[in-house]
Amino acid sequence: MNLYKLQVRLAQLAVPVLTFASFAYLTAAPVLAQDSDAGNKSVGDLIKASGIIGYTIIALSIVALAIIIENFVSLKRDKLAPPEIIDEIQALFDEGQFQEAMELCENEPTYFTRVCGAGIAKIGHSFDTIEKSLEEMGDEESIKLHQKIGWLSLIANVAPMMGLLGTVSGMVKAFNEIASSGGQANPADLASGISEALLTTLFGLIVAIPVTASFAFVRNRLVKTVIELGAIVEDLFERFRESH
């Protein structure tokens, strides 16, 4: 358990560090170009030089940022199981008002209430039936939540592949220039294709690294929250085990 908490904490620390490092590297890229014959280049110039694939990777980064923000907001523990809802359902259970608890679950749809509602619907059956219903609904809701963060994993894998595609495209352009010039192309003629090849690889990695770290953090936090809520639900329905 201590090792798991350490992994979650490391992932939490990695997100801002890697994001800052990636941003700093992208910002410093124009400085590296100051010694070139073309003179100083802005970040916009570098993005323009990366071509359509570079623009696509930038678009992926914007989508990834939106997903990260949405997941950080919607997958918080207080969103999945508001403390006041937990307290209210526990109070209704203690008073034996299961119909009122069911109505509350229907009126306040969250991860916690949907799982509880599945169990309440089976009250009166054997505890095994109640437990199976809770497990099935818990698995179903967990899958839905993991599907939401799965987009981050997809982007983290697609971004470097797009960078590799840009690398191949840029090198093809460079070799075509050599072929069309009969092998007499000067370095300036090859610079455009090679620049595109390197920049798309750079952008792909800049997007993939922080997105991968964010995915790991959000996934670990989600797993931890689901386990905690599962324990609360199990404790809530434990009274029905004792009555059978």
C-alpha atoms as a PDB file:
ATOM      1  CA  MET A   1       0.000   0.000   0.000  1.00  0.00           C
ATOM      2  CA  ASN A   2       2.826   2.381   0.816  1.00  0.00           C
ATOM      3  CA  LEU A   3       4.479   1.571  -2.522  1.00  0.00           C
ATOM      4  CA  TYR A   4       1.240   2.315  -4.363  1.00  0.00           C
ATOM      5  CA  LYS A   5       0.892   5.687  -2.614  1.00  0.00           C
ATOM      6  CA  LEU A   6       4.501   6.483  -3.529  1.00  0.00           C
ATOM      7  CA  GLN A   7       3.823   5.699  -7.191  1.00  0.00           C
ATOM      8  CA  VAL A   8       0.765   7.939  -7.198  1.00  0.00           C
ATOM      9  CA  ARG A   9       2.728  10.751  -5.565  1.00  0.00           C
ATOM     10  CA  LEU A  10       5.588  10.424  -8.049  1.00  0.00           C
ATOM     11  CA  ALA A  11       3.140  10.558 -10.951  1.00  0.00           C
ATOM     12  CA  GLN A  12       1.530  13.625  -9.386  1.00  0.00           C
ATOM     13  CA  LEU A  13       4.881  15.370  -9.161  1.00  0.00           C
ATOM     14  CA  ALA A  14       5.870  14.296 -12.658  1.00  0.00           C
ATOM     15  CA  VAL A  15       2.972  16.059 -14.380  1.00  0.00           C
ATOM     16  CA  PRO A  16       3.970  19.687 -13.645  1.00  0.00           C
ATOM     17  CA  VAL A  17       7.694  18.931 -13.915  1.00  0.00           C
ATOM     18  CA  LEU A  18       7.472  17.280 -17.323  1.00  0.00           C
ATOM     19  CA  THR A  19       4.989  19.853 -18.596  1.00  0.00           C
ATOM     20  CA  PHE A  20       7.296  22.691 -17.563  1.00  0.00           C
ATOM     21  CA  ALA A  21      10.349  20.941 -19.003  1.00  0.00           C
ATOM     22  CA  SER A  22       8.603  20.369 -22.326  1.00  0.00           C
ATOM     23  CA  PHE A  23       7.416  23.973 -22.503  1.00  0.00           C
ATOM     24  CA  ALA A  24      10.876  25.238 -21.620  1.00  0.00           C
ATOM     25  CA  TYR A  25      12.451  23.100 -24.316  1.00  0.00           C
ATOM     26  CA  LEU A  26       9.993  24.307 -26.928  1.00  0.00           C
ATOM     27  CA  THR A  27      10.581  27.903 -25.878  1.00  0.00           C
ATOM     28  CA  ALA A  28      14.346  27.423 -26.015  1.00  0.00           C
ATOM     29  CA  ALA A  29      14.241  25.931 -29.501  1.00  0.00           C
ATOM     30  CA  PRO A  30      14.448  29.321 -31.279  1.00  0.00           C
ATOM     31  CA  VAL A  31      17.606  30.088 -29.319  1.00  0.00           C
ATOM     32  CA  LEU A  32      19.228  26.996 -30.805  1.00  0.00           C
ATOM     33  CA  ALA A  33      18.467  28.353 -34.256  1.00  0.00           C
ATOM     34  CA  GLN A  34      20.169  31.719 -33.704  1.00  0.00           C
ATOM     35  CA  ASP A  35      23.400  30.534 -35.244  1.00  0.00           C
ATOM     36  CA  SER A  36      21.714  29.491 -38.500  1.00  0.00           C
ATOM     37  CA  ASP A  37      21.917  31.582 -41.663  1.00  0.00           C
ATOM     38  CA  ALA A  38      18.173  32.188 -41.508  1.00  0.00           C
ATOM     39  CA  GLY A  39      18.567  34.185 -38.309  1.00  0.00           C
ATOM     40  CA  ASN A  40      16.327  34.142 -35.273  1.00  0.00           C
ATOM     41  CA  LYS A  41      13.158  32.070 -35.434  1.00  0.00           C
ATOM     42  CA  SER A  42      10.083  32.320 -33.259  1.00  0.00           C
ATOM     43  CA  VAL A  43       8.029  29.387 -32.013  1.00  0.00           C
ATOM     44  CA  GLY A  44       5.484  30.252 -34.710  1.00  0.00           C
ATOM     45  CA  ASP A  45       8.191  29.965 -37.372  1.00  0.00           C
ATOM     46  CA  LEU A  46       9.171  26.540 -36.059  1.00  0.00           C
ATOM     47  CA  ILE A  47       5.565  25.352 -36.104  1.00  0.00           C
ATOM     48  CA  LYS A  48       5.136  26.663 -39.643  1.00  0.00           C
ATOM     49  CA  ALA A  49       8.300  24.890 -40.743  1.00  0.00           C
ATOM     50  CA  SER A  50       6.985  21.591 -39.368  1.00  0.00           C
ATOM     51  CA  GLY A  51       4.264  21.529 -42.018  1.00  0.00           C
ATOM     52  CA  ILE A  52       0.774  20.037 -41.878  1.00  0.00           C
ATOM     53  CA  ILE A  53       1.907  17.182 -39.630  1.00  0.00           C
ATOM     54  CA  GLY A  54       3.318  19.666 -37.138  1.00  0.00           C
ATOM     55  CA  TYR A  55       0.003  21.526 -37.083  1.00  0.00           C
ATOM     56  CA  THR A  56      -1.786  18.217 -36.513  1.00  0.00           C
ATOM     57  CA  ILE A  57       0.431  17.441 -33.518  1.00  0.00           C
ATOM     58  CA  ILE A  58      -0.238  20.916 -32.095  1.00  0.00           C
ATOM     59  CA  ALA A  59      -3.980  20.267 -32.495  1.00  0.00           C
ATOM     60  CA  LEU A  60      -3.551  16.963 -30.632  1.00  0.00           C
ATOM     61  CA  SER A  61      -1.829  18.813 -27.795  1.00  0.00           C
ATOM     62  CA  ILE A  62      -4.787  21.195 -27.478  1.00  0.00           C
ATOM     63  CA  VAL A  63      -7.234  18.291 -27.413  1.00  0.00           C
ATOM     64  CA  ALA A  64      -5.083  16.512 -24.820  1.00  0.00           C
ATOM     65  CA  LEU A  65      -4.980  19.609 -22.603  1.00  0.00           C
ATOM     66  CA  ALA A  66      -8.783  19.897 -22.753  1.00  0.00           C
ATOM     67  CA  ILE A  67      -9.183  16.208 -21.838  1.00  0.00           C
ATOM     68  CA  ILE A  68      -6.690  16.504 -18.960  1.00  0.00           C
ATOM     69  CA  ILE A  69      -8.517  19.500 -17.492  1.00  0.00           C
ATOM     70  CA  GLU A  70     -11.909  17.804 -17.904  1.00  0.00           C
ATOM     71  CA  ASN A  71     -10.669  14.608 -16.254  1.00  0.00           C
ATOM     72  CA  PHE A  72      -9.061  16.462 -13.360  1.00  0.00           C
ATOM     73  CA  VAL A  73     -12.383  18.200 -12.694  1.00  0.00           C
ATOM     74  CA  SER A  74     -14.880  15.380 -13.340  1.00  0.00           C
ATOM     75  CA  LEU A  75     -12.926  12.465 -11.848  1.00  0.00           C
ATOM     76  CA  LYS A  76     -12.324  14.003  -8.441  1.00  0.00           C
ATOM     77  CA  ARG A  77     -13.539  11.941  -5.509  1.00  0.00           C
ATOM     78  CA  ASP A  78     -16.037  14.611  -4.494  1.00  0.00           C
ATOM     79  CA  LYS A  79     -17.562  14.447  -7.979  1.00  0.00           C
ATOM     80  CA  LEU A  80     -17.784  10.657  -8.105  1.00  0.00           C
ATOM     81  CA  ALA A  81     -19.149  10.450  -4.565  1.00  0.00           C
ATOM     82  CA  PRO A  82     -20.150  13.755  -2.917  1.00  0.00           C
ATOM     83  CA  PRO A  83     -19.599  13.415   0.859  1.00  0.00           C
ATOM     84  CA  GLU A  84     -23.046  14.828   1.640  1.00  0.00           C
ATOM     85  CA  ILE A  85     -24.684  12.166  -0.558  1.00  0.00           C
ATOM     86  CA  ILE A  86     -22.733   9.403   1.193  1.00  0.00           C
ATOM     87  CA  ASP A  87     -23.779  10.719   4.609  1.00  0.00           C
ATOM     88  CA  GLU A  88     -27.420  11.028   3.557  1.00  0.00           C
ATOM     89  CA  ILE A  89     -27.588   7.497   2.135  1.00  0.00           C
ATOM     90  CA  GLN A  90     -25.908   6.088   5.229  1.00  0.00           C
ATOM     91  CA  ALA A  91     -28.468   7.886   7.423  1.00  0.00           C
ATOM     92  CA  LEU A  92     -31.356   6.522   5.334  1.00  0.00           C
ATOM     93  CA  PHE A  93     -29.907   3.011   5.571  1.00  0.00           C
ATOM     94  CA  ASP A  94     -29.613   3.316   9.350  1.00  0.00           C
ATOM     95  CA  GLU A  95     -33.270   4.330   9.504  1.00  0.00           C
ATOM     96  CA  GLY A  96     -34.319   1.526   7.157  1.00  0.00           C
ATOM     97  CA  GLN A  97     -35.684   3.970   4.575  1.00  0.00           C
ATOM     98  CA  PHE A  98     -34.460   2.102   1.523  1.00  0.00           C
ATOM     99  CA  GLN A  99     -37.114   3.449  -0.867  1.00  0.00           C
ATOM    100  CA  GLU A 100     -36.072   7.002  -0.019  1.00  0.00           C
ATOM    101  CA  ALA A 101     -32.445   5.993  -0.527  1.00  0.00           C
ATOM    102  CA  MET A 102     -33.343   4.596  -3.955  1.00  0.00           C
ATOM    103  CA  GLU A 103     -35.091   7.827  -4.917  1.00  0.00           C
ATOM    104  CA  LEU A 104     -32.041   9.802  -3.804  1.00  0.00           C
ATOM    105  CA  CYS A 105     -29.795   7.621  -5.977  1.00  0.00           C
ATOM    106  CA  GLU A 106     -32.062   8.187  -8.977  1.00  0.00           C
ATOM    107  CA  ASN A 107     -32.205  11.951  -8.451  1.00  0.00           C
ATOM    108  CA  GLU A 108     -28.453  12.378  -7.846  1.00  0.00           C
ATOM    109  CA  PRO A 109     -26.687  10.326 -10.554  1.00  0.00           C
ATOM    110  CA  THR A 110     -23.027   9.782  -9.669  1.00  0.00           C
ATOM    111  CA  TYR A 111     -20.694   6.794  -9.641  1.00  0.00           C
ATOM    112  CA  PHE A 112     -21.515   6.112  -5.996  1.00  0.00           C
ATOM    113  CA  THR A 113     -25.300   6.471  -6.299  1.00  0.00           C
ATOM    114  CA  ARG A 114     -25.504   4.319  -9.430  1.00  0.00           C
ATOM    115  CA  VAL A 115     -23.639   1.491  -7.709  1.00  0.00           C
ATOM    116  CA  CYS A 116     -25.712   1.871  -4.538  1.00  0.00           C
ATOM    117  CA  GLY A 117     -28.920   1.998  -6.574  1.00  0.00           C
ATOM    118  CA  ALA A 118     -28.083  -1.346  -8.170  1.00  0.00           C
ATOM    119  CA  GLY A 119     -27.683  -2.876  -4.705  1.00  0.00           C
ATOM    120  CA  ILE A 120     -30.802  -1.270  -3.256  1.00  0.00           C
ATOM    121  CA  ALA A 121     -32.856  -2.643  -6.148  1.00  0.00           C
ATOM    122  CA  LYS A 122     -31.932  -6.166  -4.990  1.00  0.00           C
ATOM    123  CA  ILE A 123     -32.767  -5.694  -1.315  1.00  0.00           C
ATOM    124  CA  GLY A 124     -34.983  -8.577  -0.269  1.00  0.00           C
ATOM    125  CA  HIS A 125     -32.952 -11.092  -2.257  1.00  0.00           C
ATOM    126  CA  SER A 126     -30.010 -13.085  -0.923  1.00  0.00           C
ATOM    127  CA  PHE A 127     -26.817 -11.240  -0.052  1.00  0.00           C
ATOM    128  CA  ASP A 128     -25.032 -13.045  -2.890  1.00  0.00           C
ATOM    129  CA  THR A 129     -27.507 -11.523  -5.346  1.00  0.00           C
ATOM    130  CA  ILE A 130     -27.021  -8.052  -3.861  1.00  0.00           C
ATOM    131  CA  GLU A 131     -23.234  -8.451  -3.920  1.00  0.00           C
ATOM    132  CA  LYS A 132     -23.229  -9.630  -7.530  1.00  0.00           C
ATOM    133  CA  SER A 133     -25.384  -6.675  -8.571  1.00  0.00           C
ATOM    134  CA  LEU A 134     -23.009  -4.254  -6.832  1.00  0.00           C
ATOM    135  CA  GLU A 135     -19.974  -5.844  -8.490  1.00  0.00           C
ATOM    136  CA  GLU A 136     -21.534  -5.775 -11.957  1.00  0.00           C
ATOM    137  CA  MET A 137     -22.574  -2.136 -11.695  1.00  0.00           C
ATOM    138  CA  GLY A 138     -19.223  -1.192 -10.170  1.00  0.00           C
ATOM    139  CA  ASP A 139     -17.383  -2.858 -13.053  1.00  0.00           C
ATOM    140  CA  GLU A 140     -19.654  -1.185 -15.605  1.00  0.00           C
ATOM    141  CA  GLU A 141     -19.154   2.280 -14.122  1.00  0.00           C
ATOM    142  CA  SER A 142     -15.385   1.742 -13.787  1.00  0.00           C
ATOM    143  CA  ILE A 143     -15.151   0.794 -17.455  1.00  0.00           C
ATOM    144  CA  LYS A 144     -16.963   3.985 -18.422  1.00  0.00           C
ATOM    145  CA  LEU A 145     -14.548   6.074 -16.348  1.00  0.00           C
ATOM    146  CA  HIS A 146     -11.488   4.326 -17.760  1.00  0.00           C
ATOM    147  CA  GLN A 147     -12.810   4.897 -21.270  1.00  0.00           C
ATOM    148  CA  LYS A 148     -12.798   8.629 -20.563  1.00  0.00           C
ATOM    149  CA  ILE A 149      -9.123   8.674 -19.650  1.00  0.00           C
ATOM    150  CA  GLY A 150      -8.300   6.208 -22.432  1.00  0.00           C
ATOM    151  CA  TRP A 151      -8.217   9.101 -24.891  1.00  0.00           C
ATOM    152  CA  LEU A 152      -5.096  10.396 -23.152  1.00  0.00           C
ATOM    153  CA  SER A 153      -3.368   7.068 -23.709  1.00  0.00           C
ATOM    154  CA  LEU A 154      -4.389   7.193 -27.371  1.00  0.00           C
ATOM    155  CA  ILE A 155      -2.977  10.694 -27.862  1.00  0.00           C
ATOM    156  CA  ALA A 156       0.215   9.780 -25.998  1.00  0.00           C
ATOM    157  CA  ASN A 157       0.756   6.948 -28.477  1.00  0.00           C
ATOM    158  CA  VAL A 158      -0.385   8.759 -31.625  1.00  0.00           C
ATOM    159  CA  ALA A 159       1.679  11.935 -31.095  1.00  0.00           C
ATOM    160  CA  PRO A 160       5.150  10.314 -31.433  1.00  0.00           C
ATOM    161  CA  MET A 161       3.856   8.215 -34.333  1.00  0.00           C
ATOM    162  CA  MET A 162       2.775  11.428 -36.064  1.00  0.00           C
ATOM    163  CA  GLY A 163       6.245  12.775 -35.335  1.00  0.00           C
ATOM    164  CA  LEU A 164       7.764   9.705 -36.954  1.00  0.00           C
ATOM    165  CA  LEU A 165       5.499  10.174 -39.959  1.00  0.00           C
ATOM    166  CA  GLY A 166       6.737  13.759 -40.246  1.00  0.00           C
ATOM    167  CA  THR A 167      10.315  12.519 -39.999  1.00  0.00           C
ATOM    168  CA  VAL A 168       9.815  10.108 -42.877  1.00  0.00           C
ATOM    169  CA  SER A 169       7.981  12.760 -44.912  1.00  0.00           C
ATOM    170  CA  GLY A 170      10.743  15.307 -44.367  1.00  0.00           C
ATOM    171  CA  MET A 171      13.494  12.869 -45.310  1.00  0.00           C
ATOM    172  CA  VAL A 172      11.607  11.877 -48.458  1.00  0.00           C
ATOM    173  CA  LYS A 173      11.486  15.550 -49.444  1.00  0.00           C
ATOM    174  CA  ALA A 174      15.205  15.900 -48.808  1.00  0.00           C
ATOM    175  CA  PHE A 175      16.112  12.852 -50.906  1.00  0.00           C
ATOM    176  CA  ASN A 176      13.766  13.918 -53.686  1.00  0.00           C
ATOM    177  CA  GLU A 177      15.618  17.225 -53.786  1.00  0.00           C
ATOM    178  CA  ILE A 178      18.904  15.367 -54.122  1.00  0.00           C
ATOM    179  CA  ALA A 179      17.474  13.194 -56.903  1.00  0.00           C
ATOM    180  CA  SER A 180      15.972  16.109 -58.822  1.00  0.00           C
ATOM    181  CA  SER A 181      19.268  18.022 -58.710  1.00  0.00           C
ATOM    182  CA  GLY A 182      21.246  15.054 -59.980  1.00  0.00           C
ATOM    183  CA  GLY A 183      23.103  14.781 -56.703  1.00  0.00           C
ATOM    184  CA  GLN A 184      24.229  18.399 -56.826  1.00  0.00           C
ATOM    185  CA  ALA A 185      21.844  19.814 -54.212  1.00  0.00           C
ATOM    186  CA  ASN A 186      23.420  22.226 -51.766  1.00  0.00           C
ATOM    187  CA  PRO A 187      22.676  22.091 -48.014  1.00  0.00           C
ATOM    188  CA  ALA A 188      20.244  24.999 -48.232  1.00  0.00           C
ATOM    189  CA  ASP A 189      18.057  23.007 -50.637  1.00  0.00           C
ATOM    190  CA  LEU A 190      17.894  20.113 -48.154  1.00  0.00           C
ATOM    191  CA  ALA A 191      17.311  22.226 -45.070  1.00  0.00           C
ATOM    192  CA  SER A 192      13.530  22.459 -45.443  1.00  0.00           C
ATOM    193  CA  GLY A 193      12.923  18.701 -45.550  1.00  0.00           C
ATOM    194  CA  ILE A 194      15.405  17.918 -42.777  1.00  0.00           C
ATOM    195  CA  SER A 195      14.003  20.707 -40.603  1.00  0.00           C
ATOM    196  CA  GLU A 196      10.486  19.313 -41.015  1.00  0.00           C
ATOM    197  CA  ALA A 197      11.744  15.827 -40.130  1.00  0.00           C
ATOM    198  CA  LEU A 198      13.395  16.943 -36.894  1.00  0.00           C
ATOM    199  CA  LEU A 199      10.700  19.389 -35.806  1.00  0.00           C
ATOM    200  CA  THR A 200       7.832  16.920 -36.136  1.00  0.00           C
ATOM    201  CA  THR A 201       9.778  14.381 -34.081  1.00  0.00           C
ATOM    202  CA  LEU A 202      10.444  17.058 -31.469  1.00  0.00           C
ATOM    203  CA  PHE A 203       6.806  18.153 -31.311  1.00  0.00           C
ATOM    204  CA  GLY A 204       5.594  14.567 -31.111  1.00  0.00           C
ATOM    205  CA  LEU A 205       7.776  13.858 -28.092  1.00  0.00           C
ATOM    206  CA  ILE A 206       6.943  17.173 -26.445  1.00  0.00           C
ATOM    207  CA  VAL A 207       3.253  16.244 -26.587  1.00  0.00           C
ATOM    208  CA  ALA A 208       3.656  12.550 -25.717  1.00  0.00           C
ATOM    209  CA  ILE A 209       5.793  12.908 -22.573  1.00  0.00           C
ATOM    210  CA  PRO A 210       3.521  15.147 -20.437  1.00  0.00           C
ATOM    211  CA  VAL A 211       0.365  13.448 -21.750  1.00  0.00           C
ATOM    212  CA  THR A 212       1.748  10.043 -20.741  1.00  0.00           C
ATOM    213  CA  ALA A 213       2.582  11.373 -17.269  1.00  0.00           C
ATOM    214  CA  SER A 214      -0.889  12.924 -16.959  1.00  0.00           C
ATOM    215  CA  PHE A 215      -2.536   9.671 -18.024  1.00  0.00           C
ATOM    216  CA  ALA A 216      -0.574   7.723 -15.407  1.00  0.00           C
ATOM    217  CA  PHE A 217      -1.523  10.182 -12.678  1.00  0.00           C
ATOM    218  CA  VAL A 218      -5.225  10.354 -13.574  1.00  0.00           C
ATOM    219  CA  ARG A 219      -5.449   6.563 -13.933  1.00  0.00           C
ATOM    220  CA  ASN A 220      -3.777   5.924 -10.569  1.00  0.00           C
ATOM    221  CA  ARG A 221      -5.977   8.479  -8.838  1.00  0.00           C
ATOM    222  CA  LEU A 222      -9.072   6.948 -10.436  1.00  0.00           C
ATOM    223  CA  VAL A 223      -8.112   3.427  -9.378  1.00  0.00           C
ATOM    224  CA  LYS A 224      -7.485   4.620  -5.831  1.00  0.00           C
ATOM    225  CA  THR A 225     -10.839   6.432  -5.697  1.00  0.00           C
ATOM    226  CA  VAL A 226     -12.771   3.458  -7.095  1.00  0.00           C
ATOM    227  CA  ILE A 227     -11.198   1.157  -4.491  1.00  0.00           C
ATOM    228  CA  GLU A 228     -12.080   3.562  -1.675  1.00  0.00           C
ATOM    229  CA  LEU A 229     -15.676   3.937  -2.864  1.00  0.00           C
ATOM    230  CA  GLY A 230     -15.973   0.184  -3.292  1.00  0.00           C
ATOM    231  CA  ALA A 231     -15.014  -0.235   0.357  1.00  0.00           C
ATOM    232  CA  ILE A 232     -17.648   2.322   1.416  1.00  0.00           C
ATOM    233  CA  VAL A 233     -20.356   0.566  -0.610  1.00  0.00           C
ATOM    234  CA  GLU A 234     -19.326  -2.827   0.747  1.00  0.00           C
ATOM    235  CA  ASP A 235     -19.487  -1.544   4.312  1.00  0.00           C
ATOM    236  CA  LEU A 236     -22.887   0.034   3.611  1.00  0.00           C
ATOM    237  CA  PHE A 237     -24.417  -3.242   2.445  1.00  0.00           C
ATOM    238  CA  GLU A 238     -22.593  -5.442   4.955  1.00  0.00           C
ATOM    239  CA  ARG A 239     -25.672  -5.328   7.226  1.00  0.00           C
ATOM    240  CA  PHE A 240     -27.545  -7.504   4.718  1.00  0.00           C
ATOM    241  CA  ARG A 241     -24.915 -10.204   4.989  1.00  0.00           C
ATOM    242  CA  GLU A 242     -25.552 -10.418   8.719  1.00  0.00           C
ATOM    243  CA  SER A 243     -29.304 -10.728   8.209  1.00  0.00           C
ATOM    244  CA  HIS A 244     -29.016 -13.797   5.999  1.00  0.00           C
END
